[in-house]
N, C-alpha and C. Protein backbone atom coordinates (compact mmCIF):
# COMPACT_ATOMS: atom_id res chain seq x y z
N MET A 1 51.95 24.89 154.94
CA MET A 1 52.94 25.94 154.98
C MET A 1 53.10 26.46 156.41
N GLN A 2 52.02 26.74 157.10
CA GLN A 2 52.11 27.24 158.48
C GLN A 2 52.74 26.21 159.40
N TRP A 3 52.45 24.93 159.13
CA TRP A 3 53.04 23.86 159.93
C TRP A 3 54.56 23.86 159.78
N MET A 4 55.05 24.03 158.55
CA MET A 4 56.50 24.07 158.32
C MET A 4 57.13 25.23 159.06
N ILE A 5 56.50 26.38 159.01
CA ILE A 5 57.03 27.56 159.71
C ILE A 5 57.04 27.32 161.21
N ALA A 6 56.00 26.66 161.73
CA ALA A 6 55.97 26.34 163.16
C ALA A 6 57.10 25.39 163.54
N GLN A 7 57.42 24.44 162.66
CA GLN A 7 58.53 23.52 162.92
C GLN A 7 59.87 24.24 162.88
N GLU A 8 60.01 25.16 161.94
CA GLU A 8 61.24 25.96 161.86
C GLU A 8 61.40 26.80 163.13
N MET A 9 60.30 27.35 163.62
CA MET A 9 60.35 28.14 164.86
C MET A 9 60.76 27.26 166.03
N ALA A 10 60.21 26.06 166.11
CA ALA A 10 60.56 25.14 167.20
C ALA A 10 62.05 24.80 167.16
N TRP A 11 62.59 24.61 165.95
CA TRP A 11 64.02 24.31 165.83
C TRP A 11 64.84 25.51 166.29
N ALA A 12 64.45 26.72 165.90
CA ALA A 12 65.17 27.92 166.30
C ALA A 12 65.14 28.09 167.82
N GLU A 13 64.04 27.72 168.45
CA GLU A 13 63.89 27.90 169.90
C GLU A 13 64.58 26.80 170.71
N ALA A 14 65.01 25.73 170.05
CA ALA A 14 65.65 24.63 170.78
C ALA A 14 66.94 25.07 171.46
N SER A 15 67.65 26.06 170.90
CA SER A 15 68.89 26.55 171.52
C SER A 15 68.64 27.23 172.85
N CYS A 16 67.39 27.60 173.10
CA CYS A 16 67.03 28.23 174.37
C CYS A 16 66.48 27.20 175.36
N GLY A 17 66.62 25.92 175.04
CA GLY A 17 66.21 24.88 175.97
C GLY A 17 64.82 24.32 175.72
N LYS A 18 64.13 24.79 174.69
CA LYS A 18 62.81 24.23 174.38
C LYS A 18 62.99 22.82 173.83
N PRO A 19 61.95 22.00 173.91
CA PRO A 19 62.08 20.61 173.42
C PRO A 19 62.53 20.56 171.96
N SER A 20 63.39 19.61 171.66
CA SER A 20 63.91 19.45 170.31
C SER A 20 62.91 18.73 169.43
N VAL A 21 62.80 19.18 168.20
CA VAL A 21 61.92 18.55 167.21
C VAL A 21 62.74 17.81 166.16
N LEU A 22 64.06 17.78 166.33
CA LEU A 22 64.93 17.27 165.28
C LEU A 22 64.74 15.80 164.97
N SER A 23 64.41 14.97 165.94
CA SER A 23 64.29 13.55 165.67
C SER A 23 63.18 13.26 164.67
N GLU A 24 62.14 14.04 164.67
CA GLU A 24 61.05 13.86 163.71
C GLU A 24 61.23 14.72 162.47
N LEU A 25 61.88 15.84 162.63
CA LEU A 25 61.97 16.83 161.57
C LEU A 25 63.01 16.50 160.51
N LEU A 26 64.15 15.95 160.93
CA LEU A 26 65.24 15.69 160.00
C LEU A 26 65.16 14.28 159.43
N ALA A 27 65.25 14.16 158.12
CA ALA A 27 65.23 12.86 157.46
C ALA A 27 66.47 12.06 157.84
N THR A 28 66.39 10.76 157.72
CA THR A 28 67.54 9.92 158.07
C THR A 28 68.73 10.19 157.16
N ASP A 29 68.48 10.65 155.94
CA ASP A 29 69.58 10.97 155.02
C ASP A 29 69.87 12.47 154.96
N PHE A 30 69.48 13.17 156.00
CA PHE A 30 69.72 14.61 156.14
C PHE A 30 71.22 14.93 156.05
N HIS A 31 71.51 16.10 155.48
CA HIS A 31 72.88 16.60 155.44
C HIS A 31 72.83 18.13 155.55
N GLY A 32 73.68 18.72 156.38
CA GLY A 32 73.66 20.16 156.57
C GLY A 32 75.03 20.78 156.45
N THR A 33 75.02 22.10 156.29
CA THR A 33 76.26 22.89 156.29
C THR A 33 76.12 23.96 157.37
N SER A 34 77.04 23.96 158.32
CA SER A 34 76.99 24.87 159.45
C SER A 34 77.44 26.26 159.03
N PRO A 35 77.22 27.27 159.90
CA PRO A 35 77.70 28.62 159.61
C PRO A 35 79.21 28.69 159.41
N LYS A 36 79.96 27.76 159.98
CA LYS A 36 81.42 27.75 159.82
C LYS A 36 81.86 26.99 158.58
N GLY A 37 80.90 26.44 157.83
CA GLY A 37 81.22 25.75 156.59
C GLY A 37 81.44 24.26 156.72
N THR A 38 81.37 23.73 157.93
CA THR A 38 81.52 22.29 158.11
C THR A 38 80.22 21.58 157.78
N ARG A 39 80.34 20.39 157.26
CA ARG A 39 79.16 19.61 156.92
C ARG A 39 78.88 18.62 158.03
N TYR A 40 77.61 18.30 158.21
CA TYR A 40 77.22 17.38 159.27
C TYR A 40 76.00 16.58 158.84
N ASP A 41 75.86 15.39 159.44
CA ASP A 41 74.72 14.52 159.19
C ASP A 41 73.69 14.70 160.29
N ARG A 42 72.61 14.00 160.16
CA ARG A 42 71.54 14.03 161.15
C ARG A 42 72.10 13.58 162.50
N PRO A 43 71.81 14.31 163.56
CA PRO A 43 72.26 13.87 164.88
C PRO A 43 71.65 12.50 165.20
N THR A 44 72.43 11.64 165.84
CA THR A 44 71.94 10.31 166.17
C THR A 44 71.23 10.27 167.51
N GLU A 45 71.38 11.33 168.30
CA GLU A 45 70.72 11.40 169.60
C GLU A 45 69.99 12.73 169.72
N VAL A 46 68.98 12.75 170.56
CA VAL A 46 68.30 14.00 170.84
C VAL A 46 69.27 14.89 171.60
N PRO A 47 69.49 16.13 171.12
CA PRO A 47 70.46 16.99 171.79
C PRO A 47 70.05 17.29 173.23
N THR A 48 71.03 17.28 174.11
CA THR A 48 70.80 17.72 175.48
C THR A 48 71.59 19.00 175.66
N HIS A 49 71.04 19.90 176.43
CA HIS A 49 71.69 21.20 176.57
C HIS A 49 72.24 21.37 177.98
N ASP A 50 73.50 21.69 178.04
CA ASP A 50 74.12 22.10 179.29
C ASP A 50 73.56 23.50 179.58
N PRO A 51 72.96 23.71 180.76
CA PRO A 51 72.36 25.01 181.05
C PRO A 51 73.31 26.19 180.84
N SER A 52 74.62 25.96 181.00
CA SER A 52 75.57 27.07 180.82
C SER A 52 75.76 27.43 179.35
N THR A 53 75.33 26.57 178.43
CA THR A 53 75.50 26.86 177.01
C THR A 53 74.20 27.30 176.34
N LEU A 54 73.12 27.36 177.09
CA LEU A 54 71.85 27.75 176.51
C LEU A 54 71.87 29.21 176.06
N HIS A 55 71.24 29.45 174.96
CA HIS A 55 71.08 30.81 174.47
C HIS A 55 69.83 31.41 175.10
N SER A 56 69.62 32.68 174.85
CA SER A 56 68.42 33.36 175.35
C SER A 56 67.75 34.08 174.19
N ASP A 57 66.50 34.40 174.37
CA ASP A 57 65.76 35.19 173.40
C ASP A 57 65.86 34.62 171.98
N CYS A 58 65.67 33.31 171.86
CA CYS A 58 65.72 32.65 170.55
C CYS A 58 64.47 33.00 169.75
N ARG A 59 64.69 33.50 168.54
CA ARG A 59 63.56 33.96 167.73
C ARG A 59 63.71 33.56 166.28
N LEU A 60 62.61 33.14 165.70
CA LEU A 60 62.53 33.02 164.26
C LEU A 60 62.14 34.40 163.77
N LEU A 61 62.98 35.02 162.96
CA LEU A 61 62.71 36.38 162.49
C LEU A 61 61.79 36.39 161.28
N ASP A 62 62.03 35.47 160.36
CA ASP A 62 61.14 35.35 159.21
C ASP A 62 61.34 34.00 158.55
N ALA A 63 60.36 33.59 157.79
CA ALA A 63 60.44 32.34 157.03
C ALA A 63 59.50 32.46 155.84
N ASP A 64 60.01 32.10 154.69
CA ASP A 64 59.23 32.14 153.45
C ASP A 64 59.30 30.76 152.83
N VAL A 65 58.14 30.15 152.62
CA VAL A 65 58.07 28.79 152.07
C VAL A 65 57.75 28.88 150.59
N ARG A 66 58.52 28.16 149.78
CA ARG A 66 58.25 28.05 148.35
C ARG A 66 58.15 26.58 147.99
N PHE A 67 57.08 26.22 147.30
CA PHE A 67 56.88 24.83 146.88
C PHE A 67 57.34 24.65 145.44
N PHE A 68 57.96 23.51 145.19
CA PHE A 68 58.41 23.13 143.86
C PHE A 68 57.79 21.77 143.57
N GLY A 69 56.57 21.80 143.06
CA GLY A 69 55.81 20.58 142.85
C GLY A 69 55.13 20.16 144.15
N ASP A 70 54.69 18.91 144.19
CA ASP A 70 53.94 18.42 145.35
C ASP A 70 54.81 17.88 146.47
N ASN A 71 56.09 17.61 146.19
CA ASN A 71 56.91 16.92 147.17
C ASN A 71 58.18 17.64 147.61
N VAL A 72 58.42 18.83 147.10
CA VAL A 72 59.63 19.57 147.47
C VAL A 72 59.25 20.99 147.87
N ALA A 73 59.82 21.43 148.98
CA ALA A 73 59.64 22.81 149.43
C ALA A 73 60.98 23.33 149.94
N VAL A 74 61.19 24.61 149.76
CA VAL A 74 62.38 25.27 150.29
C VAL A 74 61.90 26.39 151.19
N VAL A 75 62.46 26.42 152.40
CA VAL A 75 62.11 27.47 153.35
C VAL A 75 63.36 28.34 153.52
N TYR A 76 63.18 29.63 153.23
CA TYR A 76 64.25 30.62 153.38
C TYR A 76 63.93 31.40 154.64
N GLY A 77 64.87 31.51 155.57
CA GLY A 77 64.53 32.19 156.81
C GLY A 77 65.71 32.80 157.51
N SER A 78 65.39 33.40 158.66
CA SER A 78 66.43 33.97 159.51
C SER A 78 65.98 33.86 160.96
N GLU A 79 66.96 33.89 161.84
CA GLU A 79 66.70 33.75 163.27
C GLU A 79 67.77 34.48 164.06
N SER A 80 67.48 34.72 165.32
CA SER A 80 68.47 35.34 166.20
C SER A 80 68.38 34.71 167.58
N SER A 81 69.47 34.85 168.33
CA SER A 81 69.51 34.40 169.72
C SER A 81 70.59 35.18 170.44
N GLY A 82 70.51 35.14 171.75
CA GLY A 82 71.52 35.78 172.58
C GLY A 82 72.44 34.72 173.17
N ALA A 83 73.71 35.02 173.27
CA ALA A 83 74.68 34.09 173.83
C ALA A 83 75.58 34.84 174.80
N VAL A 84 76.00 34.13 175.84
CA VAL A 84 76.95 34.70 176.80
C VAL A 84 78.34 34.28 176.37
N LEU A 85 79.22 35.25 176.21
CA LEU A 85 80.59 35.01 175.79
C LEU A 85 81.46 34.61 176.98
N PRO A 86 82.65 34.05 176.73
CA PRO A 86 83.53 33.65 177.84
C PRO A 86 83.84 34.79 178.82
N ASP A 87 83.83 36.04 178.35
CA ASP A 87 84.10 37.17 179.25
C ASP A 87 82.83 37.68 179.92
N SER A 88 81.75 36.89 179.84
CA SER A 88 80.44 37.18 180.46
C SER A 88 79.66 38.28 179.75
N LYS A 89 80.16 38.80 178.65
CA LYS A 89 79.38 39.77 177.88
C LYS A 89 78.32 39.03 177.08
N HIS A 90 77.28 39.74 176.74
CA HIS A 90 76.16 39.17 175.99
C HIS A 90 76.28 39.57 174.52
N GLU A 91 76.05 38.61 173.63
CA GLU A 91 76.15 38.86 172.20
C GLU A 91 74.88 38.37 171.51
N ARG A 92 74.36 39.16 170.61
CA ARG A 92 73.23 38.74 169.78
C ARG A 92 73.81 38.10 168.52
N ARG A 93 73.30 36.92 168.17
CA ARG A 93 73.78 36.20 166.98
C ARG A 93 72.62 36.02 166.01
N CYS A 94 72.91 36.21 164.73
CA CYS A 94 71.87 36.08 163.71
C CYS A 94 72.33 35.12 162.61
N LEU A 95 71.40 34.33 162.14
CA LEU A 95 71.63 33.40 161.05
C LEU A 95 70.61 33.63 159.95
N VAL A 96 71.03 33.44 158.72
CA VAL A 96 70.10 33.27 157.61
C VAL A 96 70.32 31.85 157.12
N TRP A 97 69.27 31.23 156.64
CA TRP A 97 69.38 29.82 156.28
C TRP A 97 68.40 29.45 155.17
N THR A 98 68.71 28.32 154.56
CA THR A 98 67.86 27.72 153.55
C THR A 98 67.70 26.26 153.91
N ASP A 99 66.46 25.83 154.10
CA ASP A 99 66.15 24.44 154.43
C ASP A 99 65.37 23.82 153.30
N THR A 100 65.78 22.64 152.87
CA THR A 100 65.10 21.92 151.80
C THR A 100 64.28 20.79 152.42
N TRP A 101 62.99 20.80 152.12
CA TRP A 101 62.04 19.82 152.64
C TRP A 101 61.64 18.87 151.52
N LEU A 102 61.41 17.60 151.87
CA LEU A 102 60.95 16.60 150.92
C LEU A 102 59.81 15.82 151.56
N LYS A 103 58.77 15.59 150.79
CA LYS A 103 57.63 14.81 151.27
C LYS A 103 57.79 13.39 150.75
N ARG A 104 57.94 12.45 151.70
CA ARG A 104 58.07 11.03 151.37
C ARG A 104 57.01 10.27 152.14
N LYS A 105 56.31 9.40 151.46
CA LYS A 105 55.28 8.57 152.09
C LYS A 105 54.35 9.42 152.94
N GLY A 106 54.00 10.60 152.42
CA GLY A 106 53.05 11.49 153.09
C GLY A 106 53.62 12.31 154.23
N LYS A 107 54.91 12.24 154.47
CA LYS A 107 55.52 12.94 155.61
C LYS A 107 56.57 13.93 155.12
N TRP A 108 56.45 15.19 155.56
CA TRP A 108 57.42 16.23 155.23
C TRP A 108 58.58 16.15 156.22
N GLN A 109 59.81 16.17 155.68
CA GLN A 109 61.01 16.22 156.51
C GLN A 109 62.06 17.08 155.82
N ILE A 110 62.99 17.60 156.62
CA ILE A 110 64.09 18.38 156.08
C ILE A 110 65.20 17.43 155.66
N ILE A 111 65.66 17.60 154.40
CA ILE A 111 66.73 16.74 153.90
C ILE A 111 68.07 17.46 153.82
N ALA A 112 68.05 18.81 153.76
CA ALA A 112 69.31 19.56 153.66
C ALA A 112 69.12 20.97 154.19
N VAL A 113 70.19 21.51 154.80
CA VAL A 113 70.17 22.89 155.28
C VAL A 113 71.50 23.56 154.96
N GLN A 114 71.45 24.87 154.85
CA GLN A 114 72.64 25.70 154.67
C GLN A 114 72.45 26.91 155.59
N ASP A 115 73.33 27.08 156.56
CA ASP A 115 73.25 28.19 157.51
C ASP A 115 74.41 29.15 157.31
N ALA A 116 74.14 30.43 157.48
CA ALA A 116 75.20 31.44 157.39
C ALA A 116 74.98 32.47 158.50
N ARG A 117 76.05 32.78 159.22
CA ARG A 117 75.97 33.81 160.25
C ARG A 117 76.13 35.17 159.58
N VAL A 118 75.27 36.12 159.98
CA VAL A 118 75.28 37.45 159.40
C VAL A 118 75.23 38.49 160.51
N ASP A 119 75.52 39.73 160.16
CA ASP A 119 75.35 40.82 161.11
C ASP A 119 73.87 40.95 161.43
N CYS A 120 73.56 41.15 162.68
CA CYS A 120 72.17 41.29 163.08
C CYS A 120 71.63 42.65 162.63
N PRO A 121 70.38 42.67 162.20
CA PRO A 121 69.78 43.96 161.86
C PRO A 121 69.59 44.80 163.13
N PRO A 122 69.58 46.11 163.01
CA PRO A 122 69.37 46.94 164.19
C PRO A 122 67.98 46.67 164.78
N THR A 123 67.92 46.75 166.09
CA THR A 123 66.61 46.52 166.75
C THR A 123 65.94 47.83 167.10
């Protein structure tokens, strides 16, 4: 369980330029739904970040792991990051998400995600 949360944290921090864990984390048959409602498959390349698009202060706010048998887990979580807007103003962005994990051949991987952008809680 702690390992899954650590992987979720690493994914959340990737927008701030930290090394990506997606190549190992996402199953080959992965499918996701973005905050805008578009669906996407597993990236075929390790993401590279243009320094001008990097976010700041990327944080995993919470994560709760629930197991459904020995081979399925669902992680419910939230995260935040800071982004610079085209007018140079800074914006805090928050997501809530649900990630579905499956254990195959002894290896846990994410097979599906659903992300939703929400109002950030007051700090």
